[in-house]
Amino acid sequence: MAERKKNAFQRLKKGQLNRKERRDLERRLNTEDPGLEIVNRNVAGIDVGNESHYVAVPPGRDPQPVQEFGSWTADLERMADWLKTCGIETVVMQSTGVYFALSSALIGRVQVPPALR
């Protein structure tokens, strides 16, 4: 059976894009309108880890829109306060373990519901 043709994202993940395709993709993603529909403007993304969490808010909400926070309670409370200050209404969390539980609970305390799906 013939192998299905991979899309640009699949080839990018495998490192199979050629130089021109990588440049075109980077240029398109860095333009004012990358061709993606914005569904929710007040959302943040969190990459949850064992030792630290990386949090990204939309550009313009903070001079440093991507920040790293430790996984201890004081830093997670600081993260929740920062999200509230940035006007975030929903967060999307990526976690490969149970590390999201405390983050989710602390974020919920400041009325920012996590969107776990």
N, C-alpha and C. Protein backbone atom coordinates (compact mmCIF):
# COMPACT_ATOMS: atom_id res chain seq x y z
N MET A 1 0.84 -1.17 0.00
CA MET A 1 0.00 0.00 0.00
C MET A 1 0.89 1.24 0.00
N ALA A 2 0.53 2.21 -0.81
CA ALA A 2 1.33 3.43 -0.93
C ALA A 2 1.19 4.28 0.34
N GLU A 3 2.29 4.93 0.71
CA GLU A 3 2.28 5.79 1.89
C GLU A 3 1.59 7.10 1.56
N ARG A 4 0.75 7.56 2.49
CA ARG A 4 0.01 8.80 2.31
C ARG A 4 0.97 9.99 2.30
N LYS A 5 0.69 10.98 1.47
CA LYS A 5 1.53 12.17 1.40
C LYS A 5 1.37 12.96 2.69
N LYS A 6 2.48 13.39 3.28
CA LYS A 6 2.45 14.13 4.54
C LYS A 6 2.24 15.61 4.28
N ASN A 7 1.51 16.27 5.20
CA ASN A 7 1.30 17.70 5.07
C ASN A 7 2.54 18.43 5.61
N ALA A 8 2.55 19.76 5.49
CA ALA A 8 3.71 20.56 5.88
C ALA A 8 4.02 20.41 7.37
N PHE A 9 2.99 20.36 8.21
CA PHE A 9 3.21 20.23 9.65
C PHE A 9 3.88 18.89 9.97
N GLN A 10 3.42 17.83 9.36
CA GLN A 10 4.01 16.51 9.61
C GLN A 10 5.47 16.48 9.14
N ARG A 11 5.74 17.08 7.98
CA ARG A 11 7.12 17.11 7.48
C ARG A 11 7.99 18.00 8.35
N LEU A 12 7.43 19.10 8.88
CA LEU A 12 8.18 19.99 9.76
C LEU A 12 8.58 19.25 11.04
N LYS A 13 7.65 18.49 11.61
CA LYS A 13 7.94 17.74 12.82
C LYS A 13 9.06 16.73 12.59
N LYS A 14 9.11 16.15 11.43
CA LYS A 14 10.13 15.15 11.12
C LYS A 14 11.41 15.77 10.56
N GLY A 15 11.41 17.11 10.39
CA GLY A 15 12.58 17.77 9.83
C GLY A 15 12.74 17.55 8.35
N GLN A 16 11.64 17.33 7.65
CA GLN A 16 11.70 17.00 6.23
C GLN A 16 11.35 18.15 5.31
N LEU A 17 11.15 19.36 5.84
CA LEU A 17 10.90 20.50 4.96
C LEU A 17 12.21 20.97 4.37
N ASN A 18 12.19 21.34 3.11
CA ASN A 18 13.41 21.89 2.53
C ASN A 18 13.55 23.35 2.96
N ARG A 19 14.66 23.96 2.64
CA ARG A 19 14.95 25.33 3.08
C ARG A 19 13.90 26.33 2.62
N LYS A 20 13.48 26.23 1.37
CA LYS A 20 12.47 27.16 0.84
C LYS A 20 11.15 26.99 1.57
N GLU A 21 10.73 25.75 1.81
CA GLU A 21 9.47 25.52 2.52
C GLU A 21 9.54 26.04 3.95
N ARG A 22 10.68 25.88 4.63
CA ARG A 22 10.84 26.39 5.99
C ARG A 22 10.77 27.91 6.01
N ARG A 23 11.45 28.56 5.06
CA ARG A 23 11.41 30.02 4.99
C ARG A 23 10.00 30.53 4.71
N ASP A 24 9.30 29.88 3.77
CA ASP A 24 7.93 30.28 3.45
C ASP A 24 7.01 30.11 4.65
N LEU A 25 7.14 29.01 5.37
CA LEU A 25 6.32 28.76 6.55
C LEU A 25 6.62 29.78 7.64
N GLU A 26 7.89 30.05 7.88
CA GLU A 26 8.27 31.04 8.90
C GLU A 26 7.75 32.42 8.53
N ARG A 27 7.88 32.80 7.27
CA ARG A 27 7.40 34.10 6.81
C ARG A 27 5.89 34.21 7.00
N ARG A 28 5.16 33.15 6.66
CA ARG A 28 3.71 33.17 6.79
C ARG A 28 3.26 33.26 8.25
N LEU A 29 3.94 32.54 9.15
CA LEU A 29 3.59 32.57 10.57
C LEU A 29 3.94 33.89 11.23
N ASN A 30 4.93 34.60 10.72
CA ASN A 30 5.37 35.86 11.31
C ASN A 30 4.69 37.08 10.70
N THR A 31 3.80 36.87 9.75
CA THR A 31 3.11 38.01 9.15
C THR A 31 2.01 38.50 10.08
N GLU A 32 1.47 39.65 9.76
CA GLU A 32 0.38 40.23 10.55
C GLU A 32 -0.83 39.30 10.57
N ASP A 33 -1.11 38.65 9.45
CA ASP A 33 -2.23 37.72 9.35
C ASP A 33 -1.71 36.37 8.84
N PRO A 34 -1.41 35.43 9.75
CA PRO A 34 -0.85 34.15 9.31
C PRO A 34 -1.88 33.23 8.67
N GLY A 35 -3.14 33.69 8.54
CA GLY A 35 -4.16 32.87 7.91
C GLY A 35 -4.87 31.96 8.89
N LEU A 36 -4.72 32.22 10.18
CA LEU A 36 -5.39 31.42 11.20
C LEU A 36 -6.49 32.26 11.83
N GLU A 37 -7.63 31.65 12.05
CA GLU A 37 -8.75 32.36 12.67
C GLU A 37 -8.56 32.40 14.18
N ILE A 38 -8.69 33.58 14.78
CA ILE A 38 -8.59 33.72 16.23
C ILE A 38 -9.97 33.45 16.81
N VAL A 39 -10.07 32.42 17.63
CA VAL A 39 -11.34 32.02 18.21
C VAL A 39 -11.56 32.72 19.54
N ASN A 40 -10.52 32.83 20.35
CA ASN A 40 -10.62 33.47 21.66
C ASN A 40 -9.39 34.33 21.87
N ARG A 41 -9.57 35.62 22.01
CA ARG A 41 -8.45 36.55 22.17
C ARG A 41 -7.93 36.62 23.60
N ASN A 42 -8.69 36.13 24.55
CA ASN A 42 -8.30 36.22 25.96
C ASN A 42 -7.89 34.87 26.52
N VAL A 43 -7.02 34.19 25.79
CA VAL A 43 -6.59 32.86 26.20
C VAL A 43 -5.07 32.83 26.32
N ALA A 44 -4.59 32.01 27.24
CA ALA A 44 -3.15 31.81 27.42
C ALA A 44 -2.85 30.33 27.28
N GLY A 45 -1.63 30.03 26.91
CA GLY A 45 -1.20 28.64 26.81
C GLY A 45 -0.14 28.36 27.86
N ILE A 46 -0.22 27.20 28.50
CA ILE A 46 0.74 26.82 29.53
C ILE A 46 1.31 25.46 29.19
N ASP A 47 2.64 25.39 29.11
CA ASP A 47 3.34 24.12 28.97
C ASP A 47 3.76 23.73 30.38
N VAL A 48 3.06 22.76 30.95
CA VAL A 48 3.24 22.38 32.35
C VAL A 48 4.35 21.34 32.45
N GLY A 49 5.30 21.60 33.34
CA GLY A 49 6.39 20.67 33.55
C GLY A 49 6.61 20.38 35.02
N ASN A 50 7.48 19.46 35.30
CA ASN A 50 7.79 19.05 36.65
C ASN A 50 8.46 20.17 37.44
N GLU A 51 9.44 20.84 36.83
CA GLU A 51 10.20 21.88 37.53
C GLU A 51 9.74 23.28 37.20
N SER A 52 9.19 23.50 36.03
CA SER A 52 8.75 24.85 35.67
C SER A 52 7.62 24.78 34.65
N HIS A 53 6.89 25.89 34.56
CA HIS A 53 5.79 26.03 33.61
C HIS A 53 6.11 27.22 32.71
N TYR A 54 5.96 27.05 31.41
CA TYR A 54 6.13 28.15 30.46
C TYR A 54 4.74 28.63 30.07
N VAL A 55 4.51 29.93 30.21
CA VAL A 55 3.19 30.51 29.98
C VAL A 55 3.30 31.57 28.89
N ALA A 56 2.38 31.52 27.93
CA ALA A 56 2.36 32.51 26.84
C ALA A 56 1.00 33.19 26.81
N VAL A 57 1.03 34.51 26.75
CA VAL A 57 -0.19 35.31 26.60
C VAL A 57 -0.12 35.99 25.24
N PRO A 58 -1.25 36.51 24.75
CA PRO A 58 -1.22 37.18 23.45
C PRO A 58 -0.26 38.37 23.44
N PRO A 59 0.37 38.65 22.31
CA PRO A 59 1.26 39.81 22.21
C PRO A 59 0.51 41.09 22.58
N GLY A 60 1.20 41.99 23.26
CA GLY A 60 0.60 43.26 23.65
C GLY A 60 0.00 43.25 25.04
N ARG A 61 -0.12 42.08 25.66
CA ARG A 61 -0.68 42.00 27.01
C ARG A 61 0.38 42.28 28.07
N ASP A 62 1.65 42.05 27.71
CA ASP A 62 2.76 42.22 28.64
C ASP A 62 4.02 42.44 27.80
N PRO A 63 4.97 43.23 28.30
CA PRO A 63 6.20 43.42 27.53
C PRO A 63 6.95 42.10 27.28
N GLN A 64 6.78 41.14 28.17
CA GLN A 64 7.38 39.82 28.01
C GLN A 64 6.24 38.80 27.97
N PRO A 65 5.69 38.51 26.76
CA PRO A 65 4.49 37.68 26.68
C PRO A 65 4.70 36.20 26.97
N VAL A 66 5.94 35.73 27.03
CA VAL A 66 6.22 34.35 27.40
C VAL A 66 7.10 34.39 28.64
N GLN A 67 6.64 33.73 29.70
CA GLN A 67 7.38 33.73 30.95
C GLN A 67 7.46 32.33 31.52
N GLU A 68 8.49 32.11 32.31
CA GLU A 68 8.69 30.83 32.99
C GLU A 68 8.38 31.01 34.47
N PHE A 69 7.62 30.08 35.02
CA PHE A 69 7.29 30.09 36.44
C PHE A 69 7.68 28.75 37.03
N GLY A 70 8.13 28.77 38.28
CA GLY A 70 8.48 27.53 38.97
C GLY A 70 7.23 26.73 39.29
N SER A 71 7.42 25.50 39.74
CA SER A 71 6.27 24.64 40.02
C SER A 71 5.87 24.64 41.49
N TRP A 72 6.46 25.53 42.30
CA TRP A 72 6.09 25.61 43.70
C TRP A 72 4.94 26.58 43.88
N THR A 73 4.23 26.48 44.98
CA THR A 73 2.98 27.21 45.19
C THR A 73 3.12 28.72 45.03
N ALA A 74 4.14 29.32 45.62
CA ALA A 74 4.30 30.78 45.53
C ALA A 74 4.42 31.24 44.08
N ASP A 75 5.18 30.51 43.28
CA ASP A 75 5.33 30.89 41.87
C ASP A 75 4.05 30.65 41.08
N LEU A 76 3.33 29.59 41.41
CA LEU A 76 2.07 29.32 40.71
C LEU A 76 1.04 30.39 41.05
N GLU A 77 1.05 30.89 42.29
CA GLU A 77 0.15 31.98 42.64
C GLU A 77 0.54 33.26 41.89
N ARG A 78 1.84 33.48 41.74
CA ARG A 78 2.33 34.62 40.96
C ARG A 78 1.90 34.49 39.50
N MET A 79 1.95 33.26 38.97
CA MET A 79 1.52 33.00 37.60
C MET A 79 0.03 33.31 37.45
N ALA A 80 -0.78 32.86 38.39
CA ALA A 80 -2.22 33.10 38.33
C ALA A 80 -2.52 34.60 38.39
N ASP A 81 -1.82 35.33 39.24
CA ASP A 81 -2.01 36.78 39.32
C ASP A 81 -1.60 37.46 38.03
N TRP A 82 -0.50 37.00 37.42
CA TRP A 82 -0.04 37.58 36.15
C TRP A 82 -1.07 37.36 35.05
N LEU A 83 -1.64 36.15 35.01
CA LEU A 83 -2.66 35.86 34.00
C LEU A 83 -3.87 36.77 34.18
N LYS A 84 -4.27 36.99 35.42
CA LYS A 84 -5.40 37.87 35.68
C LYS A 84 -5.07 39.30 35.26
N THR A 85 -3.85 39.76 35.57
CA THR A 85 -3.42 41.11 35.20
C THR A 85 -3.43 41.28 33.67
N CYS A 86 -3.11 40.22 32.96
CA CYS A 86 -3.07 40.27 31.49
C CYS A 86 -4.46 40.16 30.86
N GLY A 87 -5.49 40.02 31.67
CA GLY A 87 -6.85 39.94 31.14
C GLY A 87 -7.20 38.59 30.55
N ILE A 88 -6.54 37.55 31.01
CA ILE A 88 -6.79 36.21 30.49
C ILE A 88 -8.05 35.64 31.12
N GLU A 89 -8.91 35.07 30.27
CA GLU A 89 -10.16 34.48 30.74
C GLU A 89 -10.14 32.97 30.71
N THR A 90 -9.29 32.40 29.86
CA THR A 90 -9.20 30.95 29.70
C THR A 90 -7.76 30.57 29.49
N VAL A 91 -7.37 29.42 30.02
CA VAL A 91 -6.03 28.90 29.76
C VAL A 91 -6.14 27.50 29.17
N VAL A 92 -5.18 27.19 28.33
CA VAL A 92 -5.06 25.85 27.76
C VAL A 92 -3.76 25.29 28.29
N MET A 93 -3.84 24.11 28.89
CA MET A 93 -2.67 23.52 29.53
C MET A 93 -2.26 22.25 28.81
N GLN A 94 -0.97 22.10 28.63
CA GLN A 94 -0.40 20.88 28.05
C GLN A 94 0.43 20.24 29.14
N SER A 95 0.09 19.01 29.46
CA SER A 95 0.84 18.31 30.50
C SER A 95 0.93 16.84 30.15
N THR A 96 2.08 16.25 30.42
CA THR A 96 2.25 14.83 30.16
C THR A 96 2.17 14.02 31.45
N GLY A 97 1.86 14.67 32.55
CA GLY A 97 1.77 13.98 33.84
C GLY A 97 0.70 14.61 34.70
N VAL A 98 0.87 14.53 36.00
CA VAL A 98 -0.11 15.06 36.94
C VAL A 98 0.25 16.45 37.42
N TYR A 99 1.25 17.06 36.82
CA TYR A 99 1.75 18.34 37.30
C TYR A 99 0.76 19.48 37.12
N PHE A 100 -0.26 19.28 36.29
CA PHE A 100 -1.21 20.35 36.02
C PHE A 100 -2.20 20.56 37.17
N ALA A 101 -2.35 19.61 38.08
CA ALA A 101 -3.41 19.66 39.08
C ALA A 101 -3.33 20.91 39.97
N LEU A 102 -2.18 21.18 40.56
CA LEU A 102 -2.05 22.35 41.44
C LEU A 102 -2.17 23.64 40.64
N SER A 103 -1.57 23.69 39.45
CA SER A 103 -1.68 24.88 38.61
C SER A 103 -3.13 25.17 38.30
N SER A 104 -3.88 24.15 37.94
CA SER A 104 -5.28 24.31 37.60
C SER A 104 -6.08 24.82 38.80
N ALA A 105 -5.80 24.28 39.97
CA ALA A 105 -6.52 24.71 41.17
C ALA A 105 -6.21 26.16 41.51
N LEU A 106 -4.95 26.56 41.41
CA LEU A 106 -4.58 27.94 41.74
C LEU A 106 -5.11 28.92 40.72
N ILE A 107 -5.11 28.56 39.45
CA ILE A 107 -5.64 29.43 38.42
C ILE A 107 -7.14 29.61 38.63
N GLY A 108 -7.83 28.54 39.01
CA GLY A 108 -9.26 28.61 39.28
C GLY A 108 -9.60 29.56 40.42
N ARG A 109 -8.69 29.73 41.38
CA ARG A 109 -8.92 30.65 42.50
C ARG A 109 -9.03 32.10 42.06
N VAL A 110 -8.37 32.46 40.96
CA VAL A 110 -8.43 33.84 40.48
C VAL A 110 -9.42 33.97 39.31
N GLN A 111 -10.33 33.03 39.22
CA GLN A 111 -11.42 33.09 38.25
C GLN A 111 -10.95 33.00 36.80
N VAL A 112 -9.92 32.23 36.54
CA VAL A 112 -9.48 31.97 35.17
C VAL A 112 -9.70 30.49 34.93
N PRO A 113 -10.79 30.11 34.26
CA PRO A 113 -11.08 28.68 34.09
C PRO A 113 -10.14 28.02 33.09
N PRO A 114 -9.50 26.93 33.48
CA PRO A 114 -8.68 26.20 32.50
C PRO A 114 -9.55 25.45 31.51
N ALA A 115 -9.12 25.44 30.27
CA ALA A 115 -9.86 24.72 29.22
C ALA A 115 -9.14 23.40 28.98
N LEU A 116 -9.45 22.40 29.76
CA LEU A 116 -8.80 21.10 29.62
C LEU A 116 -9.63 20.23 28.70
N ARG A 117 -9.00 19.81 27.62
CA ARG A 117 -9.71 18.94 26.68
C ARG A 117 -8.79 17.84 26.25
